[in-house]
């Protein structure tokens, strides 16, 4: 069971392991962009995620091959499933 830490919101919550990070954040009424419905092609859900040891999905690799990845910590939240570790999540628009 992992916790999602949101320093910009001064809150945290326990993640539902059956959902993606995007879905977990949306369930908590945290605004995250997504126009592709979570299939990993629009890039609107890119967030800075610390402590995620999950390897990139093929969708993330394809997206970031075309679109510059600002840092290794920037990931598509629609492609991150529940990690065993607590995740610290930030967005430039929060």
Protein backbone atom coordinates (compact mmCIF):
# COMPACT_ATOMS: atom_id res chain seq x y z
CA UNK A 1 0.00 0.00 0.00
CA UNK A 2 1.48 3.33 -1.02
CA UNK A 3 0.75 6.89 -0.11
CA UNK A 4 0.50 9.73 -2.57
CA UNK A 5 2.10 12.87 -1.12
CA UNK A 6 1.03 16.22 -2.55
CA UNK A 7 3.25 18.93 -1.00
CA UNK A 8 1.66 21.71 -3.07
CA UNK A 9 -1.75 20.77 -1.63
CA UNK A 10 -0.39 20.01 1.84
CA UNK A 11 -2.11 16.62 1.83
CA UNK A 12 -1.62 12.94 1.26
CA UNK A 13 -3.80 9.88 0.73
CA UNK A 14 -3.52 6.12 0.37
CA UNK A 15 -3.54 5.00 -3.26
CA UNK A 16 -6.00 2.47 -4.64
CA UNK A 17 -3.64 -0.16 -6.06
CA UNK A 18 -6.13 -1.10 -8.79
CA UNK A 19 -6.00 2.37 -10.37
CA UNK A 20 -3.45 4.50 -12.14
CA UNK A 21 -1.95 7.54 -10.49
CA UNK A 22 -4.13 9.71 -12.75
CA UNK A 23 -7.29 7.92 -11.60
CA UNK A 24 -6.23 8.12 -7.95
CA UNK A 25 -5.66 11.87 -8.22
CA UNK A 26 -8.96 12.41 -10.04
CA UNK A 27 -10.77 10.43 -7.32
CA UNK A 28 -9.35 12.92 -4.80
CA UNK A 29 -10.59 15.90 -6.89
CA UNK A 30 -7.00 16.85 -7.77
CA UNK A 31 -7.05 18.42 -11.25
CA UNK A 32 -4.88 16.63 -13.79
CA UNK A 33 -5.13 17.17 -17.53
CA UNK A 34 -6.06 14.25 -19.76
CA UNK A 35 -7.65 14.48 -23.17
CA UNK A 36 -6.77 10.98 -24.41
CA UNK A 37 -8.66 9.13 -21.69
CA UNK A 38 -5.51 7.73 -20.09
CA UNK A 39 -4.03 5.85 -23.04
CA UNK A 40 -0.70 7.69 -22.90
CA UNK A 41 -0.70 9.74 -26.10
CA UNK A 42 -1.70 13.33 -25.23
CA UNK A 43 0.91 14.10 -22.56
CA UNK A 44 -1.42 16.40 -20.63
CA UNK A 45 -1.04 14.28 -17.48
CA UNK A 46 2.75 14.64 -17.21
CA UNK A 47 3.67 15.18 -13.56
CA UNK A 48 6.89 15.28 -11.58
CA UNK A 49 6.91 12.05 -9.58
CA UNK A 50 9.58 11.29 -7.00
CA UNK A 51 10.35 7.79 -5.72
CA UNK A 52 8.67 5.83 -8.50
CA UNK A 53 10.80 2.85 -9.36
CA UNK A 54 8.31 1.51 -11.91
CA UNK A 55 9.90 1.33 -15.37
CA UNK A 56 8.39 3.37 -18.17
CA UNK A 57 5.67 1.73 -20.21
CA UNK A 58 6.04 1.46 -23.98
CA UNK A 59 3.47 4.29 -24.27
CA UNK A 60 5.66 6.54 -22.11
CA UNK A 61 8.77 5.62 -24.07
CA UNK A 62 7.04 6.46 -27.36
CA UNK A 63 5.63 9.73 -26.00
CA UNK A 64 8.95 10.94 -24.59
CA UNK A 65 10.88 9.82 -27.70
CA UNK A 66 8.89 12.42 -29.66
CA UNK A 67 8.36 14.98 -26.88
CA UNK A 68 11.28 16.15 -24.78
CA UNK A 69 11.22 14.74 -21.24
CA UNK A 70 12.13 17.60 -18.85
CA UNK A 71 13.70 15.19 -16.33
CA UNK A 72 13.64 11.48 -15.49
CA UNK A 73 11.12 12.30 -12.76
CA UNK A 74 8.55 13.54 -15.27
CA UNK A 75 6.16 10.73 -16.09
CA UNK A 76 2.73 10.17 -17.62
CA UNK A 77 0.45 9.76 -14.60
CA UNK A 78 -1.99 7.70 -16.67
CA UNK A 79 0.71 5.04 -17.08
CA UNK A 80 1.86 4.80 -13.46
CA UNK A 81 0.14 2.05 -11.52
CA UNK A 82 0.33 1.72 -7.77
CA UNK A 83 3.94 1.53 -6.65
CA UNK A 84 5.02 -0.11 -3.43
CA UNK A 85 6.75 3.09 -2.34
CA UNK A 86 5.21 6.39 -1.34
CA UNK A 87 5.15 8.84 -4.24
CA UNK A 88 5.64 12.59 -4.04
CA UNK A 89 3.76 14.25 -6.87
CA UNK A 90 3.99 17.84 -8.15
CA UNK A 91 2.67 19.79 -11.11
CA UNK A 92 3.66 23.25 -12.38
CA UNK A 93 -0.01 24.27 -12.59
CA UNK A 94 -1.03 23.47 -9.00
